[in-house]
Structures are given as C-alpha cells and as structure tokens.
C-alpha cells in the first residue's frame, strides 16, 4: 500500500489518504472519539466560560481605550486558554495512536484499536511532555521578540514590537520544522524527549525546505477542506439559531445559542475526524521517508514486511 522507497510529495499525501481508507475503522474510531470529546469541551467553554466582549466606547480617552482593549484581550484569552489545552491533549492522544497505525500501514500489517492503544499508552506522557516543551519554546521566543517593544511603548515601541515579533515568528517556523519529526521519533524509537528532538534535527538537516513545503501544502489542503465543511454548517447554524443571526446582523458576537453551537460542533467533529489522520499520517510518513533516504530503512522494512506477524506491540517502524 505504501511504497518502501523514497517518496515524493504527491506520494506522501496519497499514502496518507490510502492509510485512512485502508484502516478507516481503526482510524476513524480514534479520531471521531477524540474529536467528539474535544468539540464537546470547546462548545461548553464557548457557552459557559467565555465572558461577553466589553462594548467599546467611541468617545473614550486614550487611557480608557487601552483599558477596554485589555479587557477585550482578557475575555478572548479566557476562551482561548481552555480551547488550547483541550486541543493539546486531543492532538497528543490522536498523534500517539495514529503514529502506531501508520507504522503498521507501512509494513502492510493490520492493527486493531486495542492493539494501537496498548502500544501507544506508555508513550503518551513523554509525548505530552514533548508537545508542552515545544509550545513553551515557541511562546518564550515570541515573548522575547515582543518584550522590548512592549517595554518601550509608543510609536517606537510598536515598530520595535513588529520587528521583534516578525523575527520571532521566523525563528519559530524554523524550529518547528526542525523538530517536526520529534513526535514520530519519540513514539516509534521509544527514546527520551531529548533524544527525539536530536533525532528530528538530524533527519531534517539538509531537507528543511522540502519538509517545510510538504507540511505547508498539507496544512493548506486541510484548511481548504475545513472551510468547505465549516462554511455550510455555520450557515445552517445561523439559520436554525435566530439569536445568533440577529447578533451577527447587529454586530454583537455574544448572542450565540445552543442550536448554533451544536450545529457548528457537528461540523467541527467531521472536519477533525478526517484532518487529524491526514496531518498525523503525513508527519509519520515524512519521518519514515527521511530515514529511508538517510539510513536505508527501506531494506529493514522490506525484511520486516516479509516476516510472519510478530506478537502485538513487538514491532514498530522505528525499532
């Protein structure tokens, strides 16, 4: 199903889709369960935790405008924080399970949900630690880039913050691509968090632009798919929820009722259930592809694929 040789961009994307189709029962069970839990948490947060956005006074003084802006930012962060936490946990669990599924797909081996869970479970905490470490690294870099401008203030501070923020963004993109293969390395080689970061850096070295391009194209395709699904569900949500529609027409974002949240939540579950495995599949296949190019992993995989099935959990691509 997946060629055991160096893969081109189109072959990696095609192989990720083939894996979803061939293992759809296991894959969709994983992603649908994770998506339902994540979307339910998101809906409850939006309904009960997110405060109303403070109204902006057009006649406010500069000091009052600053205070109102800070209140609006605080209201947004209250909603974003729990969402980010839920997304982090959901993506960690799905990435762990899907890494195991894709590694078996490379060998053409079947795998059940129970077997995937037993193999992935011991690596969940290290993978969560890796994810938190990378998130903290990215946030720290952005803070360092923006802090000088925020401290200076005024027009010079805005310019300095813009320049620092842009530089921090570029550095973050470079580091995220450099460490993008750490997750499958951690899951499949069963090393430490530090070891997986070193392995990713080694595998990406010399192929940064290629991996960046494939990752960017994958995310763009996922974005297009999400929009295709989300827009109709959003329109239906406005139609069935008169409160949300009147709030949109009046410019208020606070008049959102249960019908709108439920309909858009269903759309969110559908998009997440399909996009999680594609994104995770591309990442694992990039890892396998880089190991084939650098370490002749294809020869080992061909030998493994021709062996009888081993005991559950005794075989991985990275082992």
Protein backbone atom coordinates (compact mmCIF):
# COMPACT_ATOMS: atom_id res chain seq x y z
CA UNK A 1 0.00 0.00 0.00
CA UNK A 2 2.86 2.39 0.86
CA UNK A 3 5.94 2.09 -1.40
CA UNK A 4 9.05 1.12 0.57
CA UNK A 5 11.34 3.63 -1.15
CA UNK A 6 11.97 7.39 -1.06
CA UNK A 7 8.64 9.13 -1.64
CA UNK A 8 7.79 12.31 -3.50
CA UNK A 9 5.42 15.00 -2.20
CA UNK A 10 2.40 13.60 -4.04
CA UNK A 11 3.16 10.05 -2.91
CA UNK A 12 3.33 11.10 0.74
CA UNK A 13 -0.05 12.84 0.56
CA UNK A 14 -1.55 9.94 -1.41
CA UNK A 15 -0.18 7.38 1.07
CA UNK A 16 -1.71 9.29 3.99
CA UNK A 17 -5.12 9.15 2.28
CA UNK A 18 -4.66 5.46 1.42
CA UNK A 19 -3.88 4.71 5.06
CA UNK A 20 -7.09 6.47 6.12
CA UNK A 21 -9.10 4.43 3.61
CA UNK A 22 -7.47 1.07 4.36
CA UNK A 23 -7.60 1.43 8.16
CA UNK A 24 -10.74 3.54 8.31
CA UNK A 25 -12.39 1.57 11.12
CA UNK A 26 -9.45 1.94 13.49
CA UNK A 27 -8.51 5.46 12.36
CA UNK A 28 -11.99 6.96 12.41
CA UNK A 29 -12.81 5.33 15.74
CA UNK A 30 -9.74 7.05 17.22
CA UNK A 31 -10.24 10.44 15.59
CA UNK A 32 -14.03 10.55 15.97
CA UNK A 33 -13.80 9.79 19.70
CA UNK A 34 -11.08 12.40 20.21
CA UNK A 35 -12.92 14.94 18.05
CA UNK A 36 -16.22 14.47 19.92
CA UNK A 37 -14.54 14.97 23.31
CA UNK A 38 -12.57 17.99 22.09
CA UNK A 39 -15.56 19.60 20.38
CA UNK A 40 -17.82 19.00 23.39
CA UNK A 41 -15.29 20.72 25.64
CA UNK A 42 -14.98 23.58 23.14
CA UNK A 43 -18.77 24.03 22.99
CA UNK A 44 -19.09 24.07 26.79
CA UNK A 45 -16.24 26.59 27.08
CA UNK A 46 -17.84 28.87 24.49
CA UNK A 47 -21.21 28.65 26.22
CA UNK A 48 -20.25 28.95 29.89
CA UNK A 49 -16.70 30.28 30.30
CA UNK A 50 -16.19 32.92 27.64
CA UNK A 51 -17.33 36.29 29.07
CA UNK A 52 -19.17 38.84 26.99
CA UNK A 53 -16.90 41.07 24.96
CA UNK A 54 -16.88 44.54 26.55
CA UNK A 55 -18.51 47.22 24.42
CA UNK A 56 -16.05 49.80 23.07
CA UNK A 57 -16.85 53.45 23.72
CA UNK A 58 -16.10 55.54 20.57
CA UNK A 59 -15.66 58.66 22.75
CA UNK A 60 -13.21 57.05 25.18
CA UNK A 61 -9.94 58.73 26.11
CA UNK A 62 -6.64 57.02 25.17
CA UNK A 63 -6.33 55.62 28.70
CA UNK A 64 -9.90 54.27 28.57
CA UNK A 65 -9.27 52.78 25.12
CA UNK A 66 -6.23 50.94 26.49
CA UNK A 67 -8.26 49.62 29.42
CA UNK A 68 -11.07 48.48 27.10
CA UNK A 69 -8.57 46.77 24.80
CA UNK A 70 -7.03 44.93 27.75
CA UNK A 71 -10.48 43.80 28.91
CA UNK A 72 -11.27 42.53 25.40
CA UNK A 73 -7.95 40.68 25.27
CA UNK A 74 -8.62 39.13 28.68
CA UNK A 75 -12.06 37.97 27.55
CA UNK A 76 -10.53 36.39 24.44
CA UNK A 77 -7.78 34.65 26.42
CA UNK A 78 -10.30 33.12 28.83
CA UNK A 79 -11.90 31.40 25.84
CA UNK A 80 -8.66 30.56 24.02
CA UNK A 81 -6.83 29.08 27.03
CA UNK A 82 -9.13 26.09 27.73
CA UNK A 83 -9.51 25.51 23.98
CA UNK A 84 -5.74 25.32 23.56
CA UNK A 85 -5.44 22.91 26.47
CA UNK A 86 -8.15 20.62 25.10
CA UNK A 87 -6.66 20.77 21.60
CA UNK A 88 -3.23 19.96 23.02
CA UNK A 89 -4.43 16.85 24.84
CA UNK A 90 -6.62 15.73 21.92
CA UNK A 91 -3.84 16.14 19.37
CA UNK A 92 -1.39 14.29 21.65
CA UNK A 93 -3.65 11.26 22.06
CA UNK A 94 -4.57 11.11 18.36
CA UNK A 95 -0.96 11.61 17.25
CA UNK A 96 0.22 8.79 19.53
CA UNK A 97 -2.38 6.30 18.32
CA UNK A 98 -2.12 7.30 14.66
CA UNK A 99 1.68 7.01 14.70
CA UNK A 100 1.28 3.35 15.64
CA UNK A 101 -1.40 2.78 12.98
CA UNK A 102 0.65 4.40 10.20
CA UNK A 103 3.79 2.49 11.23
CA UNK A 104 1.84 -0.75 10.77
CA UNK A 105 0.42 0.51 7.46
CA UNK A 106 3.97 1.00 6.16
CA UNK A 107 4.54 -2.74 6.75
CA UNK A 108 1.09 -3.69 5.46
CA UNK A 109 0.14 -5.13 8.85
CA UNK A 110 -3.39 -4.99 10.27
CA UNK A 111 -3.92 -3.43 13.68
CA UNK A 112 -6.90 -3.12 15.99
CA UNK A 113 -7.81 -0.17 18.17
CA UNK A 114 -6.95 -2.16 21.30
CA UNK A 115 -3.52 -3.09 19.98
CA UNK A 116 -2.82 0.51 18.97
CA UNK A 117 -3.82 1.73 22.44
CA UNK A 118 -1.65 -0.85 24.23
CA UNK A 119 1.35 0.09 22.11
CA UNK A 120 0.83 3.86 22.36
CA UNK A 121 -0.20 4.16 26.02
CA UNK A 122 3.32 4.01 27.57
CA UNK A 123 4.42 6.89 25.32
CA UNK A 124 1.53 9.27 26.00
CA UNK A 125 3.14 11.15 28.90
CA UNK A 126 6.50 11.62 27.13
CA UNK A 127 4.65 12.79 24.01
CA UNK A 128 2.59 15.24 26.06
CA UNK A 129 5.83 16.50 27.64
CA UNK A 130 7.37 16.96 24.19
CA UNK A 131 4.30 18.85 22.96
CA UNK A 132 4.29 21.13 26.02
CA UNK A 133 8.04 21.74 25.68
CA UNK A 134 7.71 22.80 22.04
CA UNK A 135 4.69 25.01 22.87
CA UNK A 136 6.58 26.67 25.74
CA UNK A 137 9.63 27.16 23.50
CA UNK A 138 7.51 28.87 20.84
CA UNK A 139 5.73 31.08 23.38
CA UNK A 140 9.04 32.03 25.03
CA UNK A 141 10.58 33.04 21.70
CA UNK A 142 7.57 35.22 20.86
CA UNK A 143 7.70 36.84 24.30
CA UNK A 144 11.40 37.65 23.92
CA UNK A 145 10.73 39.12 20.47
CA UNK A 146 7.81 41.30 21.59
CA UNK A 147 9.01 42.33 25.06
CA UNK A 148 11.44 45.14 24.06
CA UNK A 149 8.74 46.89 22.03
CA UNK A 150 6.17 46.49 24.79
CA UNK A 151 8.58 47.98 27.32
CA UNK A 152 9.47 50.97 25.11
CA UNK A 153 5.84 51.80 24.29
CA UNK A 154 4.52 54.49 21.95
CA UNK A 155 5.17 54.59 18.20
CA UNK A 156 8.82 53.41 18.52
CA UNK A 157 7.62 50.53 20.68
CA UNK A 158 5.07 49.48 18.06
CA UNK A 159 7.75 49.40 15.35
CA UNK A 160 10.16 47.53 17.62
CA UNK A 161 7.47 45.03 18.64
CA UNK A 162 6.54 44.44 14.98
CA UNK A 163 10.17 43.80 14.01
CA UNK A 164 10.82 41.62 17.06
CA UNK A 165 7.59 39.70 16.54
CA UNK A 166 8.41 39.06 12.87
CA UNK A 167 11.90 37.84 13.76
CA UNK A 168 10.49 35.60 16.49
CA UNK A 169 7.92 34.20 14.04
CA UNK A 170 10.63 33.30 11.51
CA UNK A 171 12.70 31.61 14.22
CA UNK A 172 9.64 29.71 15.46
CA UNK A 173 8.84 28.41 11.97
CA UNK A 174 12.44 27.27 11.52
CA UNK A 175 12.47 25.47 14.88
CA UNK A 176 9.03 23.89 14.42
CA UNK A 177 10.10 22.36 11.10
CA UNK A 178 13.46 21.31 12.58
CA UNK A 179 11.65 19.46 15.39
CA UNK A 180 8.60 18.37 13.36
CA UNK A 181 9.72 14.72 13.26
CA UNK A 182 10.32 14.50 17.01
CA UNK A 183 6.81 13.16 17.68
CA UNK A 184 7.06 10.05 15.44
CA UNK A 185 10.67 9.55 16.56
CA UNK A 186 9.52 9.53 20.20
CA UNK A 187 6.66 7.12 19.51
CA UNK A 188 8.44 4.68 17.21
CA UNK A 189 12.01 4.68 18.56
CA UNK A 190 10.88 4.76 22.20
CA UNK A 191 13.64 7.12 23.25
CA UNK A 192 13.56 10.12 25.56
CA UNK A 193 12.18 13.56 24.73
CA UNK A 194 15.69 14.97 24.29
CA UNK A 195 16.69 12.02 22.09
CA UNK A 196 13.64 12.54 19.86
CA UNK A 197 14.48 16.23 19.41
CA UNK A 198 18.04 15.33 18.42
CA UNK A 199 16.79 12.66 16.03
CA UNK A 200 14.38 15.09 14.38
CA UNK A 201 17.10 17.72 13.97
CA UNK A 202 19.39 15.10 12.41
CA UNK A 203 16.73 13.79 10.00
CA UNK A 204 15.60 17.27 8.93
CA UNK A 205 19.14 18.59 8.38
CA UNK A 206 19.64 19.29 4.67
CA UNK A 207 15.93 18.74 3.89
CA UNK A 208 14.40 21.68 5.76
CA UNK A 209 12.83 23.34 2.73
CA UNK A 210 11.40 20.07 1.41
CA UNK A 211 9.79 19.19 4.74
CA UNK A 212 8.57 22.76 5.16
CA UNK A 213 6.97 22.69 1.69
CA UNK A 214 5.21 19.35 2.21
CA UNK A 215 3.99 20.38 5.66
CA UNK A 216 2.77 23.76 4.39
CA UNK A 217 0.95 22.18 1.43
CA UNK A 218 -0.68 19.64 3.76
CA UNK A 219 -1.90 22.37 6.11
CA UNK A 220 -3.23 24.44 3.18
CA UNK A 221 -5.18 21.45 1.84
CA UNK A 222 -6.53 20.76 5.32
CA UNK A 223 -7.55 24.43 5.66
CA UNK A 224 -9.44 24.29 2.35
CA UNK A 225 -11.23 21.10 3.43
CA UNK A 226 -12.12 22.61 6.81
CA UNK A 227 -13.58 25.69 5.11
CA UNK A 228 -15.60 23.56 2.68
CA UNK A 229 -17.20 21.74 5.62
CA UNK A 230 -17.33 24.58 8.17
CA UNK A 231 -18.99 27.24 6.00
CA UNK A 232 -22.20 25.24 5.26
CA UNK A 233 -22.50 24.19 8.92
CA UNK A 234 -22.01 27.80 10.03
CA UNK A 235 -24.73 28.98 7.64
CA UNK A 236 -27.08 26.24 8.88
CA UNK A 237 -26.25 27.25 12.45
CA UNK A 238 -27.27 30.85 11.77
CA UNK A 239 -30.47 29.68 10.06
CA UNK A 240 -31.60 27.46 12.95
CA UNK A 241 -30.48 29.91 15.65
CA UNK A 242 -32.32 33.19 15.32
CA UNK A 243 -30.36 34.65 18.24
CA UNK A 244 -27.02 34.08 16.52
CA UNK A 245 -28.29 35.53 13.24
CA UNK A 246 -29.64 38.67 14.89
CA UNK A 247 -26.38 39.02 16.81
CA UNK A 248 -24.43 38.82 13.54
CA UNK A 249 -26.62 41.44 11.89
CA UNK A 250 -26.35 43.77 14.89
CA UNK A 251 -22.58 43.30 15.19
CA UNK A 252 -22.76 41.52 18.56
CA UNK A 253 -20.74 38.30 18.99
CA UNK A 254 -22.39 37.39 22.30
CA UNK A 255 -25.84 36.32 21.07
CA UNK A 256 -24.99 32.68 20.32
CA UNK A 257 -27.37 29.97 21.49
CA UNK A 258 -27.24 26.20 21.79
CA UNK A 259 -28.57 25.47 18.26
CA UNK A 260 -25.68 27.37 16.65
CA UNK A 261 -23.07 25.77 18.93
CA UNK A 262 -24.42 22.25 18.36
CA UNK A 263 -24.61 22.56 14.57
CA UNK A 264 -21.15 24.08 14.23
CA UNK A 265 -19.87 21.50 16.73
CA UNK A 266 -21.06 18.68 14.46
CA UNK A 267 -19.18 20.31 11.60
CA UNK A 268 -16.10 20.54 13.81
CA UNK A 269 -16.27 16.83 14.66
CA UNK A 270 -16.48 15.88 10.98
CA UNK A 271 -13.52 18.04 9.97
CA UNK A 272 -11.37 16.93 12.91
CA UNK A 273 -12.13 13.24 12.36
CA UNK A 274 -10.81 13.49 8.79
CA UNK A 275 -7.99 16.02 9.17
CA UNK A 276 -6.34 14.51 12.28
CA UNK A 277 -5.27 11.29 10.49
CA UNK A 278 -4.15 13.11 7.33
CA UNK A 279 -1.93 15.51 9.27
CA UNK A 280 -0.53 12.78 11.55
CA UNK A 281 -0.08 10.42 8.61
CA UNK A 282 1.96 12.93 6.62
CA UNK A 283 4.21 13.58 9.64
CA UNK A 284 4.89 9.88 10.24
CA UNK A 285 5.46 9.25 6.53
CA UNK A 286 7.92 12.16 6.39
CA UNK A 287 9.79 10.56 9.28
CA UNK A 288 9.87 7.18 7.52
CA UNK A 289 10.86 8.81 4.23
CA UNK A 290 13.77 10.69 5.81
CA UNK A 291 15.00 7.51 7.48
CA UNK A 292 14.81 5.69 4.15
CA UNK A 293 16.84 8.46 2.50
CA UNK A 294 19.39 8.75 5.31
CA UNK A 295 19.57 5.32 6.92
CA UNK A 296 18.34 2.85 4.25
CA UNK A 297 15.36 1.99 6.45
CA UNK A 298 13.59 0.59 3.36
CA UNK A 299 15.82 -2.53 3.43
CA UNK A 300 14.90 -3.18 7.06
CA UNK A 301 11.21 -2.55 6.32
CA UNK A 302 11.22 -4.95 3.37
CA UNK A 303 12.70 -7.68 5.57
CA UNK A 304 10.18 -6.93 8.32
CA UNK A 305 7.26 -6.91 5.87
CA UNK A 306 8.21 -10.40 4.64
CA UNK A 307 8.38 -11.86 8.16
CA UNK A 308 5.35 -13.50 9.82
CA UNK A 309 3.33 -11.27 12.13
CA UNK A 310 5.15 -10.80 15.45
CA UNK A 311 3.49 -10.61 18.82
CA UNK A 312 1.35 -7.48 19.33
CA UNK A 313 3.43 -4.48 20.33
CA UNK A 314 6.74 -6.12 19.41
CA UNK A 315 7.11 -4.36 16.06
CA UNK A 316 7.43 -0.75 15.04
CA UNK A 317 8.96 1.10 12.14
CA UNK A 318 11.45 2.78 14.41
CA UNK A 319 12.54 -0.31 16.27
